[in-house]
Amino acid sequence: MSFNKLKQVYILTMSVCQLTAIISNCAFAEEGFKYNAKSRRDPFIPLISETGGYASDAYEASAIEDIRLEGIVWDDVKGSIAIINGEIAKEGDSLGSVKILKIEKDNVIFGVNGESVKIELNKE
């Protein structure tokens, strides 16, 4: 085989290799994935912060739409607790700018921007 033929084969081979690399990079490029938590805790966000503290989404509530009442443990003697956004909370606690005013047997009354808002416990 002549030198020119070898040179052409080499150039063609290198071009095919470069084209293959470009196509494979395009085909396997990471797409921006956006998880829709649908008003639930995002499982891709760690529960423990980098500093070792508990990183809960309950403390970032700024509106009543940010609150999920998940359960109530009723005790009229020792004081009741509510499970809100995966956190145990009692009367007087604040979750971000939302304050727990009163825990009742089947609902919790929250203070939001100076207004009282009642959320019923979903019994399903």
PDB file of N, CA and C in Angstrom:
ATOM      1  N   MET A   1       0.847  -1.167   0.000  1.00  0.00           N
ATOM      2  CA  MET A   1       0.000   0.000   0.000  1.00  0.00           C
ATOM      3  C   MET A   1       0.895   1.233   0.000  1.00  0.00           C
ATOM      4  N   SER A   2       0.510   2.217  -0.791  1.00  0.00           N
ATOM      5  CA  SER A   2       1.322   3.416  -0.909  1.00  0.00           C
ATOM      6  C   SER A   2       1.129   4.310   0.314  1.00  0.00           C
ATOM      7  N   PHE A   3       2.061   5.205   0.459  1.00  0.00           N
ATOM      8  CA  PHE A   3       2.042   6.131   1.593  1.00  0.00           C
ATOM      9  C   PHE A   3       0.792   6.997   1.565  1.00  0.00           C
ATOM     10  N   ASN A   4       0.360   7.482   0.421  1.00  0.00           N
ATOM     11  CA  ASN A   4      -0.841   8.314   0.309  1.00  0.00           C
ATOM     12  C   ASN A   4      -2.097   7.548   0.727  1.00  0.00           C
ATOM     13  N   LYS A   5      -2.149   6.257   0.328  1.00  0.00           N
ATOM     14  CA  LYS A   5      -3.291   5.426   0.715  1.00  0.00           C
ATOM     15  C   LYS A   5      -3.321   5.261   2.236  1.00  0.00           C
ATOM     16  N   LEU A   6      -2.147   4.990   2.831  1.00  0.00           N
ATOM     17  CA  LEU A   6      -2.069   4.847   4.291  1.00  0.00           C
ATOM     18  C   LEU A   6      -2.491   6.135   4.988  1.00  0.00           C
ATOM     19  N   LYS A   7      -2.053   7.251   4.430  1.00  0.00           N
ATOM     20  CA  LYS A   7      -2.404   8.549   5.012  1.00  0.00           C
ATOM     21  C   LYS A   7      -3.917   8.766   4.949  1.00  0.00           C
ATOM     22  N   GLN A   8      -4.552   8.419   3.840  1.00  0.00           N
ATOM     23  CA  GLN A   8      -6.001   8.569   3.693  1.00  0.00           C
ATOM     24  C   GLN A   8      -6.755   7.662   4.669  1.00  0.00           C
ATOM     25  N   VAL A   9      -6.294   6.427   4.823  1.00  0.00           N
ATOM     26  CA  VAL A   9      -6.925   5.486   5.753  1.00  0.00           C
ATOM     27  C   VAL A   9      -6.786   6.011   7.179  1.00  0.00           C
ATOM     28  N   TYR A  10      -5.608   6.508   7.515  1.00  0.00           N
ATOM     29  CA  TYR A  10      -5.371   7.057   8.851  1.00  0.00           C
ATOM     30  C   TYR A  10      -6.304   8.243   9.118  1.00  0.00           C
ATOM     31  N   ILE A  11      -6.416   9.162   8.202  1.00  0.00           N
ATOM     32  CA  ILE A  11      -7.279  10.339   8.367  1.00  0.00           C
ATOM     33  C   ILE A  11      -8.739   9.908   8.488  1.00  0.00           C
ATOM     34  N   LEU A  12      -9.147   8.967   7.673  1.00  0.00           N
ATOM     35  CA  LEU A  12     -10.517   8.471   7.727  1.00  0.00           C
ATOM     36  C   LEU A  12     -10.799   7.791   9.077  1.00  0.00           C
ATOM     37  N   THR A  13      -9.861   6.980   9.553  1.00  0.00           N
ATOM     38  CA  THR A  13     -10.009   6.296  10.842  1.00  0.00           C
ATOM     39  C   THR A  13     -10.100   7.308  11.978  1.00  0.00           C
ATOM     40  N   MET A  14      -9.251   8.311  11.975  1.00  0.00           N
ATOM     41  CA  MET A  14      -9.269   9.333  13.024  1.00  0.00           C
ATOM     42  C   MET A  14     -10.572  10.134  12.979  1.00  0.00           C
ATOM     43  N   SER A  15     -11.050  10.427  11.793  1.00  0.00           N
ATOM     44  CA  SER A  15     -12.307  11.160  11.650  1.00  0.00           C
ATOM     45  C   SER A  15     -13.468  10.346  12.207  1.00  0.00           C
ATOM     46  N   VAL A  16     -13.484   9.050  11.925  1.00  0.00           N
ATOM     47  CA  VAL A  16     -14.539   8.170  12.444  1.00  0.00           C
ATOM     48  C   VAL A  16     -14.461   8.108  13.967  1.00  0.00           C
ATOM     49  N   CYS A  17     -13.270   8.009  14.522  1.00  0.00           N
ATOM     50  CA  CYS A  17     -13.096   7.977  15.986  1.00  0.00           C
ATOM     51  C   CYS A  17     -13.591   9.279  16.617  1.00  0.00           C
ATOM     52  N   GLN A  18     -13.239  10.411  16.045  1.00  0.00           N
ATOM     53  CA  GLN A  18     -13.681  11.699  16.583  1.00  0.00           C
ATOM     54  C   GLN A  18     -15.193  11.834  16.490  1.00  0.00           C
ATOM     55  N   LEU A  19     -15.760  11.430  15.380  1.00  0.00           N
ATOM     56  CA  LEU A  19     -17.207  11.489  15.197  1.00  0.00           C
ATOM     57  C   LEU A  19     -17.921  10.582  16.200  1.00  0.00           C
ATOM     58  N   THR A  20     -17.370   9.404  16.441  1.00  0.00           N
ATOM     59  CA  THR A  20     -17.941   8.472  17.427  1.00  0.00           C
ATOM     60  C   THR A  20     -17.898   9.086  18.821  1.00  0.00           C
ATOM     61  N   ALA A  21     -16.811   9.729  19.168  1.00  0.00           N
ATOM     62  CA  ALA A  21     -16.688  10.359  20.484  1.00  0.00           C
ATOM     63  C   ALA A  21     -17.699  11.487  20.645  1.00  0.00           C
ATOM     64  N   ILE A  22     -17.880  12.277  19.622  1.00  0.00           N
ATOM     65  CA  ILE A  22     -18.848  13.393  19.680  1.00  0.00           C
ATOM     66  C   ILE A  22     -20.262  12.859  19.834  1.00  0.00           C
ATOM     67  N   ILE A  23     -20.603  11.836  19.061  1.00  0.00           N
ATOM     68  CA  ILE A  23     -21.956  11.270  19.125  1.00  0.00           C
ATOM     69  C   ILE A  23     -22.203  10.630  20.492  1.00  0.00           C
ATOM     70  N   SER A  24     -21.213   9.906  21.016  1.00  0.00           N
ATOM     71  CA  SER A  24     -21.412   9.256  22.321  1.00  0.00           C
ATOM     72  C   SER A  24     -21.543  10.292  23.431  1.00  0.00           C
ATOM     73  N   ASN A  25     -20.825  11.396  23.345  1.00  0.00           N
ATOM     74  CA  ASN A  25     -20.973  12.462  24.344  1.00  0.00           C
ATOM     75  C   ASN A  25     -22.359  13.087  24.277  1.00  0.00           C
ATOM     76  N   CYS A  26     -22.872  13.247  23.093  1.00  0.00           N
ATOM     77  CA  CYS A  26     -24.218  13.813  22.942  1.00  0.00           C
ATOM     78  C   CYS A  26     -25.286  12.842  23.436  1.00  0.00           C
ATOM     79  N   ALA A  27     -25.104  11.570  23.145  1.00  0.00           N
ATOM     80  CA  ALA A  27     -26.109  10.568  23.494  1.00  0.00           C
ATOM     81  C   ALA A  27     -26.171  10.330  24.996  1.00  0.00           C
ATOM     82  N   PHE A  28     -25.045  10.440  25.685  1.00  0.00           N
ATOM     83  CA  PHE A  28     -25.006  10.145  27.111  1.00  0.00           C
ATOM     84  C   PHE A  28     -24.836  11.391  27.972  1.00  0.00           C
ATOM     85  N   ALA A  29     -25.069  12.549  27.408  1.00  0.00           N
ATOM     86  CA  ALA A  29     -24.969  13.784  28.191  1.00  0.00           C
ATOM     87  C   ALA A  29     -26.062  13.796  29.244  1.00  0.00           C
ATOM     88  N   GLU A  30     -25.715  14.297  30.427  1.00  0.00           N
ATOM     89  CA  GLU A  30     -26.697  14.357  31.513  1.00  0.00           C
ATOM     90  C   GLU A  30     -27.743  15.409  31.208  1.00  0.00           C
ATOM     91  N   GLU A  31     -28.979  14.997  31.376  1.00  0.00           N
ATOM     92  CA  GLU A  31     -30.068  15.949  31.229  1.00  0.00           C
ATOM     93  C   GLU A  31     -30.406  16.481  32.611  1.00  0.00           C
ATOM     94  N   GLY A  32     -30.876  17.698  32.687  1.00  0.00           N
ATOM     95  CA  GLY A  32     -31.273  18.271  33.966  1.00  0.00           C
ATOM     96  C   GLY A  32     -32.528  17.579  34.481  1.00  0.00           C
ATOM     97  N   PHE A  33     -32.407  16.832  35.567  1.00  0.00           N
ATOM     98  CA  PHE A  33     -33.544  16.114  36.142  1.00  0.00           C
ATOM     99  C   PHE A  33     -34.135  16.947  37.259  1.00  0.00           C
ATOM    100  N   LYS A  34     -35.425  17.143  37.239  1.00  0.00           N
ATOM    101  CA  LYS A  34     -36.130  17.912  38.254  1.00  0.00           C
ATOM    102  C   LYS A  34     -37.149  16.997  38.905  1.00  0.00           C
ATOM    103  N   TYR A  35     -36.960  16.699  40.207  1.00  0.00           N
ATOM    104  CA  TYR A  35     -37.866  15.816  40.932  1.00  0.00           C
ATOM    105  C   TYR A  35     -39.086  16.602  41.394  1.00  0.00           C
ATOM    106  N   ASN A  36     -40.283  16.062  41.137  1.00  0.00           N
ATOM    107  CA  ASN A  36     -41.517  16.677  41.603  1.00  0.00           C
ATOM    108  C   ASN A  36     -41.950  15.949  42.875  1.00  0.00           C
ATOM    109  N   ALA A  37     -41.796  16.580  44.037  1.00  0.00           N
ATOM    110  CA  ALA A  37     -42.077  15.948  45.324  1.00  0.00           C
ATOM    111  C   ALA A  37     -43.573  15.860  45.618  1.00  0.00           C
ATOM    112  N   LYS A  38     -44.395  16.574  44.880  1.00  0.00           N
ATOM    113  CA  LYS A  38     -45.849  16.550  45.047  1.00  0.00           C
ATOM    114  C   LYS A  38     -46.253  16.768  46.505  1.00  0.00           C
ATOM    115  N   SER A  39     -45.777  17.845  47.100  1.00  0.00           N
ATOM    116  CA  SER A  39     -46.088  18.244  48.479  1.00  0.00           C
ATOM    117  C   SER A  39     -45.584  17.260  49.523  1.00  0.00           C
ATOM    118  N   ARG A  40     -44.628  16.448  49.173  1.00  0.00           N
ATOM    119  CA  ARG A  40     -44.018  15.527  50.138  1.00  0.00           C
ATOM    120  C   ARG A  40     -42.541  15.830  50.237  1.00  0.00           C
ATOM    121  N   ARG A  41     -41.883  15.222  51.226  1.00  0.00           N
ATOM    122  CA  ARG A  41     -40.456  15.434  51.393  1.00  0.00           C
ATOM    123  C   ARG A  41     -39.720  14.840  50.200  1.00  0.00           C
ATOM    124  N   ASP A  42     -38.791  15.599  49.668  1.00  0.00           N
ATOM    125  CA  ASP A  42     -37.991  15.149  48.542  1.00  0.00           C
ATOM    126  C   ASP A  42     -36.979  14.121  49.048  1.00  0.00           C
ATOM    127  N   PRO A  43     -37.063  12.853  48.608  1.00  0.00           N
ATOM    128  CA  PRO A  43     -36.148  11.833  49.127  1.00  0.00           C
ATOM    129  C   PRO A  43     -34.704  12.018  48.672  1.00  0.00           C
ATOM    130  N   PHE A  44     -34.467  12.915  47.721  1.00  0.00           N
ATOM    131  CA  PHE A  44     -33.117  13.151  47.244  1.00  0.00           C
ATOM    132  C   PHE A  44     -32.392  14.224  48.059  1.00  0.00           C
ATOM    133  N   ILE A  45     -33.103  14.855  48.986  1.00  0.00           N
ATOM    134  CA  ILE A  45     -32.476  15.831  49.876  1.00  0.00           C
ATOM    135  C   ILE A  45     -32.122  15.115  51.165  1.00  0.00           C
ATOM    136  N   PRO A  46     -30.866  15.147  51.592  1.00  0.00           N
ATOM    137  CA  PRO A  46     -30.451  14.413  52.790  1.00  0.00           C
ATOM    138  C   PRO A  46     -31.185  14.893  54.040  1.00  0.00           C
ATOM    139  N   LEU A  47     -31.438  13.958  54.964  1.00  0.00           N
ATOM    140  CA  LEU A  47     -32.064  14.308  56.236  1.00  0.00           C
ATOM    141  C   LEU A  47     -31.066  14.916  57.207  1.00  0.00           C
ATOM    142  N   ILE A  48     -29.789  14.628  57.018  1.00  0.00           N
ATOM    143  CA  ILE A  48     -28.738  15.150  57.881  1.00  0.00           C
ATOM    144  C   ILE A  48     -27.917  16.162  57.081  1.00  0.00           C
ATOM    145  N   SER A  49     -27.739  17.358  57.664  1.00  0.00           N
ATOM    146  CA  SER A  49     -26.978  18.395  56.967  1.00  0.00           C
ATOM    147  C   SER A  49     -25.485  18.082  57.014  1.00  0.00           C
ATOM    148  N   GLU A  50     -24.701  18.849  56.291  1.00  0.00           N
ATOM    149  CA  GLU A  50     -23.253  18.649  56.266  1.00  0.00           C
ATOM    150  C   GLU A  50     -22.621  18.905  57.625  1.00  0.00           C
ATOM    151  N   THR A  51     -23.260  19.720  58.461  1.00  0.00           N
ATOM    152  CA  THR A  51     -22.731  20.012  59.787  1.00  0.00           C
ATOM    153  C   THR A  51     -23.160  18.973  60.821  1.00  0.00           C
ATOM    154  N   GLY A  52     -23.994  17.987  60.409  1.00  0.00           N
ATOM    155  CA  GLY A  52     -24.411  16.928  61.314  1.00  0.00           C
ATOM    156  C   GLY A  52     -25.757  17.164  61.955  1.00  0.00           C
ATOM    157  N   GLY A  53     -26.376  18.299  61.694  1.00  0.00           N
ATOM    158  CA  GLY A  53     -27.692  18.594  62.247  1.00  0.00           C
ATOM    159  C   GLY A  53     -28.788  18.006  61.394  1.00  0.00           C
ATOM    160  N   TYR A  54     -29.982  17.932  61.969  1.00  0.00           N
ATOM    161  CA  TYR A  54     -31.134  17.394  61.256  1.00  0.00           C
ATOM    162  C   TYR A  54     -31.637  18.456  60.295  1.00  0.00           C
ATOM    163  N   ALA A  55     -31.693  18.141  59.023  1.00  0.00           N
ATOM    164  CA  ALA A  55     -32.119  19.091  57.995  1.00  0.00           C
ATOM    165  C   ALA A  55     -33.528  18.734  57.558  1.00  0.00           C
ATOM    166  N   SER A  56     -34.513  19.310  58.187  1.00  0.00           N
ATOM    167  CA  SER A  56     -35.898  18.996  57.882  1.00  0.00           C
ATOM    168  C   SER A  56     -36.522  20.104  57.063  1.00  0.00           C
ATOM    169  N   ASP A  57     -37.463  19.721  56.199  1.00  0.00           N
ATOM    170  CA  ASP A  57     -38.183  20.718  55.425  1.00  0.00           C
ATOM    171  C   ASP A  57     -39.297  21.358  56.236  1.00  0.00           C
ATOM    172  N   ALA A  58     -39.595  20.843  57.430  1.00  0.00           N
ATOM    173  CA  ALA A  58     -40.678  21.395  58.245  1.00  0.00           C
ATOM    174  C   ALA A  58     -40.364  22.804  58.702  1.00  0.00           C
ATOM    175  N   TYR A  59     -39.110  23.101  58.920  1.00  0.00           N
ATOM    176  CA  TYR A  59     -38.745  24.402  59.466  1.00  0.00           C
ATOM    177  C   TYR A  59     -38.652  25.490  58.413  1.00  0.00           C
ATOM    178  N   GLU A  60     -38.948  25.166  57.177  1.00  0.00           N
ATOM    179  CA  GLU A  60     -38.903  26.152  56.116  1.00  0.00           C
ATOM    180  C   GLU A  60     -40.291  26.606  55.694  1.00  0.00           C
ATOM    181  N   ALA A  61     -41.309  26.254  56.471  1.00  0.00           N
ATOM    182  CA  ALA A  61     -42.675  26.601  56.106  1.00  0.00           C
ATOM    183  C   ALA A  61     -42.876  28.104  56.181  1.00  0.00           C
ATOM    184  N   SER A  62     -43.425  28.671  55.119  1.00  0.00           N
ATOM    185  CA  SER A  62     -43.718  30.101  55.101  1.00  0.00           C
ATOM    186  C   SER A  62     -45.183  30.372  54.797  1.00  0.00           C
ATOM    187  N   ALA A  63     -45.931  29.322  54.434  1.00  0.00           N
ATOM    188  CA  ALA A  63     -47.355  29.452  54.133  1.00  0.00           C
ATOM    189  C   ALA A  63     -48.044  28.160  54.547  1.00  0.00           C
ATOM    190  N   ILE A  64     -49.339  28.214  54.695  1.00  0.00           N
ATOM    191  CA  ILE A  64     -50.092  27.033  55.117  1.00  0.00           C
ATOM    192  C   ILE A  64     -49.997  25.912  54.087  1.00  0.00           C
ATOM    193  N   GLU A  65     -49.745  26.238  52.831  1.00  0.00           N
ATOM    194  CA  GLU A  65     -49.580  25.222  51.790  1.00  0.00           C
ATOM    195  C   GLU A  65     -48.319  24.386  52.006  1.00  0.00           C
ATOM    196  N   ASP A  66     -47.378  24.893  52.802  1.00  0.00           N
ATOM    197  CA  ASP A  66     -46.145  24.171  53.088  1.00  0.00           C
ATOM    198  C   ASP A  66     -46.312  23.151  54.219  1.00  0.00           C
ATOM    199  N   ILE A  67     -47.486  23.122  54.847  1.00  0.00           N
ATOM    200  CA  ILE A  67     -47.724  22.277  56.014  1.00  0.00           C
ATOM    201  C   ILE A  67     -48.445  20.997  55.621  1.00  0.00           C
ATOM    202  N   ARG A  68     -47.914  19.857  56.096  1.00  0.00           N
ATOM    203  CA  ARG A  68     -48.571  18.560  55.951  1.00  0.00           C
ATOM    204  C   ARG A  68     -48.815  18.002  57.346  1.00  0.00           C
ATOM    205  N   LEU A  69     -50.058  17.946  57.763  1.00  0.00           N
ATOM    206  CA  LEU A  69     -50.416  17.351  59.045  1.00  0.00           C
ATOM    207  C   LEU A  69     -50.518  15.850  58.838  1.00  0.00           C
ATOM    208  N   GLU A  70     -49.572  15.108  59.414  1.00  0.00           N
ATOM    209  CA  GLU A  70     -49.475  13.674  59.163  1.00  0.00           C
ATOM    210  C   GLU A  70     -50.035  12.829  60.299  1.00  0.00           C
ATOM    211  N   GLY A  71     -50.155  13.405  61.497  1.00  0.00           N
ATOM    212  CA  GLY A  71     -50.675  12.628  62.611  1.00  0.00           C
ATOM    213  C   GLY A  71     -50.788  13.473  63.860  1.00  0.00           C
ATOM    214  N   ILE A  72     -51.607  12.998  64.799  1.00  0.00           N
ATOM    215  CA  ILE A  72     -51.773  13.656  66.097  1.00  0.00           C
ATOM    216  C   ILE A  72     -51.719  12.572  67.167  1.00  0.00           C
ATOM    217  N   VAL A  73     -50.929  12.805  68.207  1.00  0.00           N
ATOM    218  CA  VAL A  73     -50.912  11.947  69.383  1.00  0.00           C
ATOM    219  C   VAL A  73     -51.596  12.750  70.481  1.00  0.00           C
ATOM    220  N   TRP A  74     -52.833  12.350  70.814  1.00  0.00           N
ATOM    221  CA  TRP A  74     -53.665  13.114  71.733  1.00  0.00           C
ATOM    222  C   TRP A  74     -53.421  12.667  73.166  1.00  0.00           C
ATOM    223  N   ASP A  75     -53.079  13.611  74.026  1.00  0.00           N
ATOM    224  CA  ASP A  75     -52.909  13.365  75.457  1.00  0.00           C
ATOM    225  C   ASP A  75     -53.288  14.647  76.175  1.00  0.00           C
ATOM    226  N   ASP A  76     -54.531  14.691  76.700  1.00  0.00           N
ATOM    227  CA  ASP A  76     -54.999  15.923  77.331  1.00  0.00           C
ATOM    228  C   ASP A  76     -54.382  16.143  78.702  1.00  0.00           C
ATOM    229  N   VAL A  77     -53.652  15.157  79.255  1.00  0.00           N
ATOM    230  CA  VAL A  77     -52.998  15.322  80.551  1.00  0.00           C
ATOM    231  C   VAL A  77     -51.584  15.878  80.378  1.00  0.00           C
ATOM    232  N   LYS A  78     -50.772  15.217  79.574  1.00  0.00           N
ATOM    233  CA  LYS A  78     -49.368  15.616  79.408  1.00  0.00           C
ATOM    234  C   LYS A  78     -49.142  16.576  78.254  1.00  0.00           C
ATOM    235  N   GLY A  79     -50.144  16.761  77.422  1.00  0.00           N
ATOM    236  CA  GLY A  79     -49.993  17.627  76.253  1.00  0.00           C
ATOM    237  C   GLY A  79     -49.867  16.812  74.987  1.00  0.00           C
ATOM    238  N   SER A  80     -50.592  17.196  73.991  1.00  0.00           N
ATOM    239  CA  SER A  80     -50.608  16.480  72.719  1.00  0.00           C
ATOM    240  C   SER A  80     -49.477  16.943  71.822  1.00  0.00           C
ATOM    241  N   ILE A  81     -49.152  16.089  70.854  1.00  0.00           N
ATOM    242  CA  ILE A  81     -48.147  16.440  69.850  1.00  0.00           C
ATOM    243  C   ILE A  81     -48.732  16.166  68.478  1.00  0.00           C
ATOM    244  N   ALA A  82     -48.172  16.809  67.488  1.00  0.00           N
ATOM    245  CA  ALA A  82     -48.584  16.604  66.104  1.00  0.00           C
ATOM    246  C   ALA A  82     -47.356  16.252  65.280  1.00  0.00           C
ATOM    247  N   ILE A  83     -47.578  15.452  64.266  1.00  0.00           N
ATOM    248  CA  ILE A  83     -46.505  15.142  63.321  1.00  0.00           C
ATOM    249  C   ILE A  83     -46.777  15.976  62.079  1.00  0.00           C
ATOM    250  N   ILE A  84     -45.885  16.929  61.857  1.00  0.00           N
ATOM    251  CA  ILE A  84     -46.056  17.895  60.774  1.00  0.00           C
ATOM    252  C   ILE A  84     -44.810  17.864  59.903  1.00  0.00           C
ATOM    253  N   ASN A  85     -44.995  17.592  58.636  1.00  0.00           N
ATOM    254  CA  ASN A  85     -43.881  17.501  57.675  1.00  0.00           C
ATOM    255  C   ASN A  85     -42.789  16.560  58.183  1.00  0.00           C
ATOM    256  N   GLY A  86     -43.201  15.476  58.849  1.00  0.00           N
ATOM    257  CA  GLY A  86     -42.239  14.498  59.335  1.00  0.00           C
ATOM    258  C   GLY A  86     -41.585  14.859  60.648  1.00  0.00           C
ATOM    259  N   GLU A  87     -41.979  15.957  61.260  1.00  0.00           N
ATOM    260  CA  GLU A  87     -41.400  16.417  62.519  1.00  0.00           C
ATOM    261  C   GLU A  87     -42.413  16.310  63.644  1.00  0.00           C
ATOM    262  N   ILE A  88     -41.950  16.027  64.847  1.00  0.00           N
ATOM    263  CA  ILE A  88     -42.809  16.047  66.025  1.00  0.00           C
ATOM    264  C   ILE A  88     -42.832  17.477  66.549  1.00  0.00           C
ATOM    265  N   ALA A  89     -44.039  18.019  66.733  1.00  0.00           N
ATOM    266  CA  ALA A  89     -44.184  19.408  67.173  1.00  0.00           C
ATOM    267  C   ALA A  89     -45.263  19.491  68.250  1.00  0.00           C
ATOM    268  N   LYS A  90     -45.163  20.519  69.084  1.00  0.00           N
ATOM    269  CA  LYS A  90     -46.153  20.736  70.138  1.00  0.00           C
ATOM    270  C   LYS A  90     -46.675  22.160  70.052  1.00  0.00           C
ATOM    271  N   GLU A  91     -47.709  22.445  70.831  1.00  0.00           N
ATOM    272  CA  GLU A  91     -48.280  23.793  70.833  1.00  0.00           C
ATOM    273  C   GLU A  91     -47.198  24.811  71.179  1.00  0.00           C
ATOM    274  N   GLY A  92     -47.211  25.908  70.455  1.00  0.00           N
ATOM    275  CA  GLY A  92     -46.230  26.964  70.672  1.00  0.00           C
ATOM    276  C   GLY A  92     -45.021  26.879  69.764  1.00  0.00           C
ATOM    277  N   ASP A  93     -44.775  25.705  69.161  1.00  0.00           N
ATOM    278  CA  ASP A  93     -43.639  25.560  68.253  1.00  0.00           C
ATOM    279  C   ASP A  93     -43.898  26.338  66.968  1.00  0.00           C
ATOM    280  N   SER A  94     -42.825  26.785  66.354  1.00  0.00           N
ATOM    281  CA  SER A  94     -42.912  27.465  65.062  1.00  0.00           C
ATOM    282  C   SER A  94     -42.211  26.625  64.013  1.00  0.00           C
ATOM    283  N   LEU A  95     -42.815  26.555  62.858  1.00  0.00           N
ATOM    284  CA  LEU A  95     -42.238  25.870  61.708  1.00  0.00           C
ATOM    285  C   LEU A  95     -42.022  26.931  60.640  1.00  0.00           C
ATOM    286  N   GLY A  96     -40.858  27.515  60.634  1.00  0.00           N
ATOM    287  CA  GLY A  96     -40.640  28.662  59.765  1.00  0.00           C
ATOM    288  C   GLY A  96     -41.442  29.826  60.309  1.00  0.00           C
ATOM    289  N   SER A  97     -42.256  30.429  59.465  1.00  0.00           N
ATOM    290  CA  SER A  97     -43.080  31.557  59.907  1.00  0.00           C
ATOM    291  C   SER A  97     -44.485  31.118  60.310  1.00  0.00           C
ATOM    292  N   VAL A  98     -44.726  29.809  60.372  1.00  0.00           N
ATOM    293  CA  VAL A  98     -46.029  29.261  60.754  1.00  0.00           C
ATOM    294  C   VAL A  98     -45.928  28.755  62.192  1.00  0.00           C
ATOM    295  N   LYS A  99     -46.863  29.193  63.066  1.00  0.00           N
ATOM    296  CA  LYS A  99     -46.827  28.822  64.483  1.00  0.00           C
ATOM    297  C   LYS A  99     -47.990  27.894  64.810  1.00  0.00           C
ATOM    298  N   ILE A 100     -47.720  26.891  65.659  1.00  0.00           N
ATOM    299  CA  ILE A 100     -48.768  25.980  66.114  1.00  0.00           C
ATOM    300  C   ILE A 100     -49.457  26.629  67.314  1.00  0.00           C
ATOM    301  N   LEU A 101     -50.723  26.981  67.125  1.00  0.00           N
ATOM    302  CA  LEU A 101     -51.480  27.629  68.192  1.00  0.00           C
ATOM    303  C   LEU A 101     -52.161  26.611  69.104  1.00  0.00           C
ATOM    304  N   LYS A 102     -52.799  25.595  68.521  1.00  0.00           N
ATOM    305  CA  LYS A 102     -53.550  24.629  69.318  1.00  0.00           C
ATOM    306  C   LYS A 102     -53.608  23.294  68.592  1.00  0.00           C
ATOM    307  N   ILE A 103     -53.395  22.214  69.370  1.00  0.00           N
ATOM    308  CA  ILE A 103     -53.539  20.860  68.836  1.00  0.00           C
ATOM    309  C   ILE A 103     -54.806  20.272  69.454  1.00  0.00           C
ATOM    310  N   GLU A 104     -55.721  19.864  68.593  1.00  0.00           N
ATOM    311  CA  GLU A 104     -56.961  19.241  69.027  1.00  0.00           C
ATOM    312  C   GLU A 104     -56.971  17.792  68.571  1.00  0.00           C
ATOM    313  N   LYS A 105     -58.018  17.031  68.948  1.00  0.00           N
ATOM    314  CA  LYS A 105     -58.038  15.592  68.657  1.00  0.00           C
ATOM    315  C   LYS A 105     -57.941  15.266  67.181  1.00  0.00           C
ATOM    316  N   ASP A 106     -58.559  16.059  66.340  1.00  0.00           N
ATOM    317  CA  ASP A 106     -58.559  15.734  64.912  1.00  0.00           C
ATOM    318  C   ASP A 106     -58.152  16.900  64.015  1.00  0.00           C
ATOM    319  N   ASN A 107     -57.547  17.935  64.587  1.00  0.00           N
ATOM    320  CA  ASN A 107     -57.071  19.057  63.782  1.00  0.00           C
ATOM    321  C   ASN A 107     -56.026  19.851  64.545  1.00  0.00           C
ATOM    322  N   VAL A 108     -55.357  20.704  63.820  1.00  0.00           N
ATOM    323  CA  VAL A 108     -54.366  21.610  64.403  1.00  0.00           C
ATOM    324  C   VAL A 108     -54.666  23.005  63.897  1.00  0.00           C
ATOM    325  N   ILE A 109     -54.591  23.970  64.817  1.00  0.00           N
ATOM    326  CA  ILE A 109     -54.809  25.366  64.446  1.00  0.00           C
ATOM    327  C   ILE A 109     -53.445  26.052  64.390  1.00  0.00           C
ATOM    328  N   PHE A 110     -53.175  26.655  63.241  1.00  0.00           N
ATOM    329  CA  PHE A 110     -51.900  27.314  62.990  1.00  0.00           C
ATOM    330  C   PHE A 110     -52.100  28.821  62.923  1.00  0.00           C
ATOM    331  N   GLY A 111     -51.089  29.565  63.295  1.00  0.00           N
ATOM    332  CA  GLY A 111     -51.063  31.005  63.105  1.00  0.00           C
ATOM    333  C   GLY A 111     -50.213  31.322  61.891  1.00  0.00           C
ATOM    334  N   VAL A 112     -50.849  31.926  60.898  1.00  0.00           N
ATOM    335  CA  VAL A 112     -50.152  32.248  59.657  1.00  0.00           C
ATOM    336  C   VAL A 112     -50.430  33.707  59.328  1.00  0.00           C
ATOM    337  N   ASN A 113     -49.403  34.537  59.349  1.00  0.00           N
ATOM    338  CA  ASN A 113     -49.535  35.962  59.021  1.00  0.00           C
ATOM    339  C   ASN A 113     -50.653  36.632  59.821  1.00  0.00           C
ATOM    340  N   GLY A 114     -50.733  36.324  61.094  1.00  0.00           N
ATOM    341  CA  GLY A 114     -51.730  36.949  61.967  1.00  0.00           C
ATOM    342  C   GLY A 114     -53.116  36.333  61.887  1.00  0.00           C
ATOM    343  N   GLU A 115     -53.307  35.296  61.089  1.00  0.00           N
ATOM    344  CA  GLU A 115     -54.604  34.636  60.964  1.00  0.00           C
ATOM    345  C   GLU A 115     -54.521  33.221  61.519  1.00  0.00           C
ATOM    346  N   SER A 116     -55.657  32.720  62.035  1.00  0.00           N
ATOM    347  CA  SER A 116     -55.743  31.337  62.497  1.00  0.00           C
ATOM    348  C   SER A 116     -56.275  30.468  61.362  1.00  0.00           C
ATOM    349  N   VAL A 117     -55.554  29.380  61.093  1.00  0.00           N
ATOM    350  CA  VAL A 117     -55.951  28.458  60.029  1.00  0.00           C
ATOM    351  C   VAL A 117     -56.004  27.053  60.619  1.00  0.00           C
ATOM    352  N   LYS A 118     -57.138  26.370  60.424  1.00  0.00           N
ATOM    353  CA  LYS A 118     -57.323  25.016  60.942  1.00  0.00           C
ATOM    354  C   LYS A 118     -57.087  24.010  59.819  1.00  0.00           C
ATOM    355  N   ILE A 119     -56.262  23.001  60.138  1.00  0.00           N
ATOM    356  CA  ILE A 119     -56.044  21.902  59.203  1.00  0.00           C
ATOM    357  C   ILE A 119     -56.557  20.628  59.876  1.00  0.00           C
ATOM    358  N   GLU A 120     -57.482  19.973  59.186  1.00  0.00           N
ATOM    359  CA  GLU A 120     -58.076  18.721  59.680  1.00  0.00           C
ATOM    360  C   GLU A 120     -57.118  17.572  59.380  1.00  0.00           C
ATOM    361  N   LEU A 121     -57.088  16.602  60.285  1.00  0.00           N
ATOM    362  CA  LEU A 121     -56.303  15.398  60.070  1.00  0.00           C
ATOM    363  C   LEU A 121     -57.016  14.500  59.077  1.00  0.00           C
ATOM    364  N   ASN A 122     -56.322  14.106  58.039  1.00  0.00           N
ATOM    365  CA  ASN A 122     -56.878  13.194  57.031  1.00  0.00           C
ATOM    366  C   ASN A 122     -56.912  11.801  57.642  1.00  0.00           C
ATOM    367  N   LYS A 123     -58.092  11.227  57.779  1.00  0.00           N
ATOM    368  CA  LYS A 123     -58.237   9.953  58.489  1.00  0.00           C
ATOM    369  C   LYS A 123     -58.131   8.743  57.579  1.00  0.00           C
ATOM    370  N   GLU A 124     -57.751   8.932  56.335  1.00  0.00           N
ATOM    371  CA  GLU A 124     -57.597   7.799  55.412  1.00  0.00           C
ATOM    372  C   GLU A 124     -56.279   7.107  55.628  1.00  0.00           C
TER     373      GLU A 124
END
